[in-house]
Amino acid sequence: MVAKINYERCVGCEECVVACARDHCIHLEESTNIIVVNESTCNNCGACVKRCPFRCIDLVGDIGPLARKPSMVATAVKS
């Protein structure tokens, strides 16, 4: 399994980058201005999923998207 970004919802806030404890696993690609996950270093911890205020990250793998557990659902930021 690996973290996958829904780019239609992602605003590039980088909260997922802050949440990830692994160096260079998830980062903002400056040339394209999009969040990128390095699949070879992602350890599926779910920290980015928990932290994303826009709920645009899921852990996916061979069995398809995982159902989010209530403890892993982030609430959207209200403006």
PDB file of N, CA and C in Angstrom:
ATOM      1  N   MET A   1       0.844  -1.183   0.000  1.00  0.00           N
ATOM      2  CA  MET A   1       0.000   0.000   0.000  1.00  0.00           C
ATOM      3  C   MET A   1       0.884   1.239   0.000  1.00  0.00           C
ATOM      4  N   VAL A   2       0.314   2.320  -0.481  1.00  0.00           N
ATOM      5  CA  VAL A   2       1.052   3.571  -0.548  1.00  0.00           C
ATOM      6  C   VAL A   2       0.055   4.728  -0.520  1.00  0.00           C
ATOM      7  N   ALA A   3       0.511   5.886  -0.077  1.00  0.00           N
ATOM      8  CA  ALA A   3      -0.339   7.078  -0.051  1.00  0.00           C
ATOM      9  C   ALA A   3      -0.528   7.583  -1.474  1.00  0.00           C
ATOM     10  N   LYS A   4      -1.765   7.856  -1.839  1.00  0.00           N
ATOM     11  CA  LYS A   4      -2.088   8.406  -3.153  1.00  0.00           C
ATOM     12  C   LYS A   4      -2.833   9.719  -2.965  1.00  0.00           C
ATOM     13  N   ILE A   5      -2.499  10.694  -3.780  1.00  0.00           N
ATOM     14  CA  ILE A   5      -3.079  12.033  -3.691  1.00  0.00           C
ATOM     15  C   ILE A   5      -4.210  12.177  -4.700  1.00  0.00           C
ATOM     16  N   ASN A   6      -5.329  12.737  -4.270  1.00  0.00           N
ATOM     17  CA  ASN A   6      -6.406  13.110  -5.179  1.00  0.00           C
ATOM     18  C   ASN A   6      -6.112  14.552  -5.583  1.00  0.00           C
ATOM     19  N   TYR A   7      -5.548  14.733  -6.768  1.00  0.00           N
ATOM     20  CA  TYR A   7      -5.101  16.057  -7.192  1.00  0.00           C
ATOM     21  C   TYR A   7      -6.240  17.022  -7.495  1.00  0.00           C
ATOM     22  N   GLU A   8      -7.442  16.525  -7.664  1.00  0.00           N
ATOM     23  CA  GLU A   8      -8.583  17.410  -7.869  1.00  0.00           C
ATOM     24  C   GLU A   8      -8.965  18.122  -6.582  1.00  0.00           C
ATOM     25  N   ARG A   9      -8.605  17.542  -5.429  1.00  0.00           N
ATOM     26  CA  ARG A   9      -8.945  18.132  -4.134  1.00  0.00           C
ATOM     27  C   ARG A   9      -7.756  18.818  -3.463  1.00  0.00           C
ATOM     28  N   CYS A  10      -6.541  18.408  -3.833  1.00  0.00           N
ATOM     29  CA  CYS A  10      -5.332  18.905  -3.176  1.00  0.00           C
ATOM     30  C   CYS A  10      -5.092  20.377  -3.522  1.00  0.00           C
ATOM     31  N   VAL A  11      -4.810  21.175  -2.490  1.00  0.00           N
ATOM     32  CA  VAL A  11      -4.525  22.602  -2.688  1.00  0.00           C
ATOM     33  C   VAL A  11      -3.054  22.925  -2.448  1.00  0.00           C
ATOM     34  N   GLY A  12      -2.251  21.900  -2.162  1.00  0.00           N
ATOM     35  CA  GLY A  12      -0.819  22.111  -1.953  1.00  0.00           C
ATOM     36  C   GLY A  12      -0.468  22.788  -0.647  1.00  0.00           C
ATOM     37  N   CYS A  13      -1.254  22.562   0.390  1.00  0.00           N
ATOM     38  CA  CYS A  13      -1.021  23.223   1.681  1.00  0.00           C
ATOM     39  C   CYS A  13       0.208  22.687   2.415  1.00  0.00           C
ATOM     40  N   GLU A  14       0.682  21.514   2.018  1.00  0.00           N
ATOM     41  CA  GLU A  14       1.865  20.855   2.571  1.00  0.00           C
ATOM     42  C   GLU A  14       1.706  20.344   4.001  1.00  0.00           C
ATOM     43  N   GLU A  15       0.481  20.236   4.493  1.00  0.00           N
ATOM     44  CA  GLU A  15       0.258  19.649   5.823  1.00  0.00           C
ATOM     45  C   GLU A  15       0.727  18.200   5.843  1.00  0.00           C
ATOM     46  N   CYS A  16       0.550  17.495   4.745  1.00  0.00           N
ATOM     47  CA  CYS A  16       1.000  16.106   4.656  1.00  0.00           C
ATOM     48  C   CYS A  16       2.515  16.006   4.737  1.00  0.00           C
ATOM     49  N   VAL A  17       3.198  16.964   4.150  1.00  0.00           N
ATOM     50  CA  VAL A  17       4.663  16.994   4.187  1.00  0.00           C
ATOM     51  C   VAL A  17       5.139  17.160   5.623  1.00  0.00           C
ATOM     52  N   VAL A  18       4.487  18.045   6.352  1.00  0.00           N
ATOM     53  CA  VAL A  18       4.832  18.286   7.751  1.00  0.00           C
ATOM     54  C   VAL A  18       4.581  17.031   8.585  1.00  0.00           C
ATOM     55  N   ALA A  19       3.504  16.317   8.285  1.00  0.00           N
ATOM     56  CA  ALA A  19       3.127  15.136   9.065  1.00  0.00           C
ATOM     57  C   ALA A  19       4.047  13.947   8.834  1.00  0.00           C
ATOM     58  N   CYS A  20       4.626  13.852   7.670  1.00  0.00           N
ATOM     59  CA  CYS A  20       5.444  12.681   7.320  1.00  0.00           C
ATOM     60  C   CYS A  20       6.782  12.729   8.046  1.00  0.00           C
ATOM     61  N   ALA A  21       7.094  11.648   8.729  1.00  0.00           N
ATOM     62  CA  ALA A  21       8.340  11.570   9.494  1.00  0.00           C
ATOM     63  C   ALA A  21       9.512  11.067   8.657  1.00  0.00           C
ATOM     64  N   ARG A  22       9.247  10.661   7.430  1.00  0.00           N
ATOM     65  CA  ARG A  22      10.305  10.114   6.579  1.00  0.00           C
ATOM     66  C   ARG A  22      10.806  11.192   5.617  1.00  0.00           C
ATOM     67  N   ASP A  23      12.119  11.362   5.556  1.00  0.00           N
ATOM     68  CA  ASP A  23      12.710  12.364   4.663  1.00  0.00           C
ATOM     69  C   ASP A  23      12.426  12.035   3.202  1.00  0.00           C
ATOM     70  N   HIS A  24      11.995  13.030   2.470  1.00  0.00           N
ATOM     71  CA  HIS A  24      11.779  12.947   1.026  1.00  0.00           C
ATOM     72  C   HIS A  24      10.736  11.916   0.600  1.00  0.00           C
ATOM     73  N   CYS A  25       9.872  11.518   1.514  1.00  0.00           N
ATOM     74  CA  CYS A  25       8.821  10.572   1.164  1.00  0.00           C
ATOM     75  C   CYS A  25       7.670  11.295   0.466  1.00  0.00           C
ATOM     76  N   ILE A  26       7.274  12.413   1.006  1.00  0.00           N
ATOM     77  CA  ILE A  26       6.196  13.209   0.428  1.00  0.00           C
ATOM     78  C   ILE A  26       6.669  14.662   0.433  1.00  0.00           C
ATOM     79  N   HIS A  27       6.555  15.297  -0.713  1.00  0.00           N
ATOM     80  CA  HIS A  27       7.087  16.660  -0.820  1.00  0.00           C
ATOM     81  C   HIS A  27       6.358  17.432  -1.915  1.00  0.00           C
ATOM     82  N   LEU A  28       6.527  18.727  -1.857  1.00  0.00           N
ATOM     83  CA  LEU A  28       5.976  19.592  -2.899  1.00  0.00           C
ATOM     84  C   LEU A  28       7.004  19.685  -4.013  1.00  0.00           C
ATOM     85  N   GLU A  29       6.638  19.236  -5.184  1.00  0.00           N
ATOM     86  CA  GLU A  29       7.515  19.323  -6.354  1.00  0.00           C
ATOM     87  C   GLU A  29       7.442  20.766  -6.863  1.00  0.00           C
ATOM     88  N   GLU A  30       8.510  21.491  -6.701  1.00  0.00           N
ATOM     89  CA  GLU A  30       8.504  22.923  -7.018  1.00  0.00           C
ATOM     90  C   GLU A  30       8.295  23.216  -8.493  1.00  0.00           C
ATOM     91  N   SER A  31       8.791  22.357  -9.363  1.00  0.00           N
ATOM     92  CA  SER A  31       8.656  22.632 -10.799  1.00  0.00           C
ATOM     93  C   SER A  31       7.214  22.503 -11.285  1.00  0.00           C
ATOM     94  N   THR A  32       6.430  21.640 -10.628  1.00  0.00           N
ATOM     95  CA  THR A  32       5.037  21.443 -11.040  1.00  0.00           C
ATOM     96  C   THR A  32       4.040  21.976 -10.018  1.00  0.00           C
ATOM     97  N   ASN A  33       4.531  22.297  -8.828  1.00  0.00           N
ATOM     98  CA  ASN A  33       3.703  22.802  -7.730  1.00  0.00           C
ATOM     99  C   ASN A  33       2.630  21.797  -7.299  1.00  0.00           C
ATOM    100  N   ILE A  34       2.997  20.496  -7.317  1.00  0.00           N
ATOM    101  CA  ILE A  34       2.079  19.464  -6.829  1.00  0.00           C
ATOM    102  C   ILE A  34       2.789  18.602  -5.785  1.00  0.00           C
ATOM    103  N   ILE A  35       1.996  17.993  -4.912  1.00  0.00           N
ATOM    104  CA  ILE A  35       2.516  17.094  -3.889  1.00  0.00           C
ATOM    105  C   ILE A  35       2.828  15.745  -4.544  1.00  0.00           C
ATOM    106  N   VAL A  36       3.991  15.198  -4.225  1.00  0.00           N
ATOM    107  CA  VAL A  36       4.436  13.936  -4.804  1.00  0.00           C
ATOM    108  C   VAL A  36       4.789  12.977  -3.677  1.00  0.00           C
ATOM    109  N   VAL A  37       4.364  11.716  -3.825  1.00  0.00           N
ATOM    110  CA  VAL A  37       4.695  10.664  -2.860  1.00  0.00           C
ATOM    111  C   VAL A  37       5.742   9.757  -3.493  1.00  0.00           C
ATOM    112  N   ASN A  38       6.830   9.521  -2.774  1.00  0.00           N
ATOM    113  CA  ASN A  38       7.851   8.574  -3.221  1.00  0.00           C
ATOM    114  C   ASN A  38       7.409   7.197  -2.746  1.00  0.00           C
ATOM    115  N   GLU A  39       6.898   6.390  -3.654  1.00  0.00           N
ATOM    116  CA  GLU A  39       6.330   5.091  -3.297  1.00  0.00           C
ATOM    117  C   GLU A  39       7.359   4.137  -2.705  1.00  0.00           C
ATOM    118  N   SER A  40       8.623   4.310  -3.046  1.00  0.00           N
ATOM    119  CA  SER A  40       9.633   3.393  -2.531  1.00  0.00           C
ATOM    120  C   SER A  40      10.006   3.678  -1.079  1.00  0.00           C
ATOM    121  N   THR A  41       9.697   4.879  -0.580  1.00  0.00           N
ATOM    122  CA  THR A  41      10.023   5.194   0.820  1.00  0.00           C
ATOM    123  C   THR A  41       8.797   5.310   1.717  1.00  0.00           C
ATOM    124  N   CYS A  42       7.600   5.328   1.136  1.00  0.00           N
ATOM    125  CA  CYS A  42       6.370   5.413   1.938  1.00  0.00           C
ATOM    126  C   CYS A  42       6.203   4.123   2.730  1.00  0.00           C
ATOM    127  N   ASN A  43       6.011   4.250   4.051  1.00  0.00           N
ATOM    128  CA  ASN A  43       5.841   3.050   4.884  1.00  0.00           C
ATOM    129  C   ASN A  43       4.390   2.843   5.316  1.00  0.00           C
ATOM    130  N   ASN A  44       3.462   3.545   4.690  1.00  0.00           N
ATOM    131  CA  ASN A  44       2.024   3.348   4.912  1.00  0.00           C
ATOM    132  C   ASN A  44       1.574   3.659   6.331  1.00  0.00           C
ATOM    133  N   CYS A  45       2.239   4.602   6.984  1.00  0.00           N
ATOM    134  CA  CYS A  45       1.891   4.891   8.376  1.00  0.00           C
ATOM    135  C   CYS A  45       0.563   5.629   8.507  1.00  0.00           C
ATOM    136  N   GLY A  46       0.134   6.336   7.459  1.00  0.00           N
ATOM    137  CA  GLY A  46      -1.137   7.046   7.495  1.00  0.00           C
ATOM    138  C   GLY A  46      -1.079   8.424   8.117  1.00  0.00           C
ATOM    139  N   ALA A  47       0.102   8.901   8.498  1.00  0.00           N
ATOM    140  CA  ALA A  47       0.212  10.230   9.119  1.00  0.00           C
ATOM    141  C   ALA A  47      -0.288  11.324   8.180  1.00  0.00           C
ATOM    142  N   CYS A  48       0.009  11.209   6.908  1.00  0.00           N
ATOM    143  CA  CYS A  48      -0.436  12.215   5.939  1.00  0.00           C
ATOM    144  C   CYS A  48      -1.951  12.180   5.775  1.00  0.00           C
ATOM    145  N   VAL A  49      -2.526  10.974   5.810  1.00  0.00           N
ATOM    146  CA  VAL A  49      -3.981  10.819   5.688  1.00  0.00           C
ATOM    147  C   VAL A  49      -4.675  11.515   6.852  1.00  0.00           C
ATOM    148  N   LYS A  50      -4.147  11.299   8.047  1.00  0.00           N
ATOM    149  CA  LYS A  50      -4.731  11.905   9.252  1.00  0.00           C
ATOM    150  C   LYS A  50      -4.624  13.416   9.235  1.00  0.00           C
ATOM    151  N   ARG A  51      -3.529  13.934   8.706  1.00  0.00           N
ATOM    152  CA  ARG A  51      -3.236  15.363   8.774  1.00  0.00           C
ATOM    153  C   ARG A  51      -3.917  16.201   7.695  1.00  0.00           C
ATOM    154  N   CYS A  52      -4.242  15.586   6.562  1.00  0.00           N
ATOM    155  CA  CYS A  52      -4.779  16.342   5.427  1.00  0.00           C
ATOM    156  C   CYS A  52      -6.139  16.963   5.758  1.00  0.00           C
ATOM    157  N   PRO A  53      -6.215  18.300   5.772  1.00  0.00           N
ATOM    158  CA  PRO A  53      -7.484  18.954   6.108  1.00  0.00           C
ATOM    159  C   PRO A  53      -8.520  18.866   4.987  1.00  0.00           C
ATOM    160  N   PHE A  54      -8.104  18.447   3.797  1.00  0.00           N
ATOM    161  CA  PHE A  54      -9.019  18.387   2.659  1.00  0.00           C
ATOM    162  C   PHE A  54      -9.383  16.963   2.254  1.00  0.00           C
ATOM    163  N   ARG A  55      -8.904  15.980   3.062  1.00  0.00           N
ATOM    164  CA  ARG A  55      -9.216  14.566   2.849  1.00  0.00           C
ATOM    165  C   ARG A  55      -8.924  14.124   1.422  1.00  0.00           C
ATOM    166  N   CYS A  56      -7.749  14.483   0.938  1.00  0.00           N
ATOM    167  CA  CYS A  56      -7.413  14.127  -0.440  1.00  0.00           C
ATOM    168  C   CYS A  56      -6.308  13.080  -0.538  1.00  0.00           C
ATOM    169  N   ILE A  57      -5.994  12.408   0.576  1.00  0.00           N
ATOM    170  CA  ILE A  57      -4.987  11.357   0.557  1.00  0.00           C
ATOM    171  C   ILE A  57      -5.609  10.067   1.072  1.00  0.00           C
ATOM    172  N   ASP A  58      -5.352   8.986   0.359  1.00  0.00           N
ATOM    173  CA  ASP A  58      -5.800   7.656   0.777  1.00  0.00           C
ATOM    174  C   ASP A  58      -4.628   6.696   0.677  1.00  0.00           C
ATOM    175  N   LEU A  59      -4.647   5.676   1.515  1.00  0.00           N
ATOM    176  CA  LEU A  59      -3.689   4.584   1.384  1.00  0.00           C
ATOM    177  C   LEU A  59      -4.326   3.555   0.474  1.00  0.00           C
ATOM    178  N   VAL A  60      -3.656   3.241  -0.614  1.00  0.00           N
ATOM    179  CA  VAL A  60      -4.190   2.283  -1.581  1.00  0.00           C
ATOM    180  C   VAL A  60      -3.153   1.214  -1.870  1.00  0.00           C
ATOM    181  N   GLY A  61      -3.632   0.096  -2.351  1.00  0.00           N
ATOM    182  CA  GLY A  61      -2.746  -1.011  -2.685  1.00  0.00           C
ATOM    183  C   GLY A  61      -3.429  -1.967  -3.624  1.00  0.00           C
ATOM    184  N   ASP A  62      -3.042  -3.190  -3.570  1.00  0.00           N
ATOM    185  CA  ASP A  62      -3.575  -4.199  -4.474  1.00  0.00           C
ATOM    186  C   ASP A  62      -5.075  -4.399  -4.322  1.00  0.00           C
ATOM    187  N   ILE A  63      -5.610  -4.127  -3.133  1.00  0.00           N
ATOM    188  CA  ILE A  63      -7.033  -4.360  -2.899  1.00  0.00           C
ATOM    189  C   ILE A  63      -7.874  -3.116  -3.140  1.00  0.00           C
ATOM    190  N   GLY A  64      -7.269  -2.042  -3.612  1.00  0.00           N
ATOM    191  CA  GLY A  64      -8.003  -0.814  -3.888  1.00  0.00           C
ATOM    192  C   GLY A  64      -7.981   0.109  -2.690  1.00  0.00           C
ATOM    193  N   PRO A  65      -8.711   1.227  -2.772  1.00  0.00           N
ATOM    194  CA  PRO A  65      -8.707   2.187  -1.670  1.00  0.00           C
ATOM    195  C   PRO A  65      -9.200   1.555  -0.378  1.00  0.00           C
ATOM    196  N   LEU A  66      -8.547   1.873   0.702  1.00  0.00           N
ATOM    197  CA  LEU A  66      -8.982   1.386   2.009  1.00  0.00           C
ATOM    198  C   LEU A  66     -10.081   2.278   2.546  1.00  0.00           C
ATOM    199  N   ALA A  67     -10.993   1.682   3.255  1.00  0.00           N
ATOM    200  CA  ALA A  67     -12.025   2.480   3.922  1.00  0.00           C
ATOM    201  C   ALA A  67     -11.356   3.265   5.041  1.00  0.00           C
ATOM    202  N   ARG A  68     -11.685   4.509   5.142  1.00  0.00           N
ATOM    203  CA  ARG A  68     -11.117   5.329   6.209  1.00  0.00           C
ATOM    204  C   ARG A  68     -11.756   4.955   7.530  1.00  0.00           C
ATOM    205  N   LYS A  69     -10.929   4.787   8.525  1.00  0.00           N
ATOM    206  CA  LYS A  69     -11.421   4.560   9.874  1.00  0.00           C
ATOM    207  C   LYS A  69     -11.776   5.923  10.447  1.00  0.00           C
ATOM    208  N   PRO A  70     -12.772   6.017  11.336  1.00  0.00           N
ATOM    209  CA  PRO A  70     -13.147   7.316  11.884  1.00  0.00           C
ATOM    210  C   PRO A  70     -11.973   8.063  12.505  1.00  0.00           C
ATOM    211  N   SER A  71     -11.020   7.352  13.097  1.00  0.00           N
ATOM    212  CA  SER A  71      -9.883   8.030  13.715  1.00  0.00           C
ATOM    213  C   SER A  71      -8.925   8.602  12.691  1.00  0.00           C
ATOM    214  N   MET A  72      -9.060   8.192  11.414  1.00  0.00           N
ATOM    215  CA  MET A  72      -8.155   8.668  10.381  1.00  0.00           C
ATOM    216  C   MET A  72      -8.770   9.775   9.532  1.00  0.00           C
ATOM    217  N   VAL A  73      -9.982  10.166   9.798  1.00  0.00           N
ATOM    218  CA  VAL A  73     -10.650  11.171   8.982  1.00  0.00           C
ATOM    219  C   VAL A  73     -10.346  12.558   9.529  1.00  0.00           C
ATOM    220  N   ALA A  74      -9.810  13.394   8.667  1.00  0.00           N
ATOM    221  CA  ALA A  74      -9.543  14.784   9.053  1.00  0.00           C
ATOM    222  C   ALA A  74     -10.769  15.614   8.696  1.00  0.00           C
ATOM    223  N   THR A  75     -11.039  16.610   9.484  1.00  0.00           N
ATOM    224  CA  THR A  75     -12.154  17.489   9.163  1.00  0.00           C
ATOM    225  C   THR A  75     -11.651  18.613   8.284  1.00  0.00           C
ATOM    226  N   ALA A  76     -12.488  19.044   7.369  1.00  0.00           N
ATOM    227  CA  ALA A  76     -12.104  20.119   6.452  1.00  0.00           C
ATOM    228  C   ALA A  76     -11.965  21.440   7.207  1.00  0.00           C
ATOM    229  N   VAL A  77     -11.081  22.268   6.715  1.00  0.00           N
ATOM    230  CA  VAL A  77     -10.875  23.582   7.311  1.00  0.00           C
ATOM    231  C   VAL A  77     -12.053  24.461   6.923  1.00  0.00           C
ATOM    232  N   LYS A  78     -12.627  25.118   7.910  1.00  0.00           N
ATOM    233  CA  LYS A  78     -13.750  26.017   7.632  1.00  0.00           C
ATOM    234  C   LYS A  78     -13.219  27.426   7.491  1.00  0.00           C
ATOM    235  N   SER A  79     -13.679  28.125   6.473  1.00  0.00           N
ATOM    236  CA  SER A  79     -13.212  29.499   6.264  1.00  0.00           C
ATOM    237  C   SER A  79     -14.242  30.501   6.693  1.00  0.00           C
TER     238      SER A  79
END
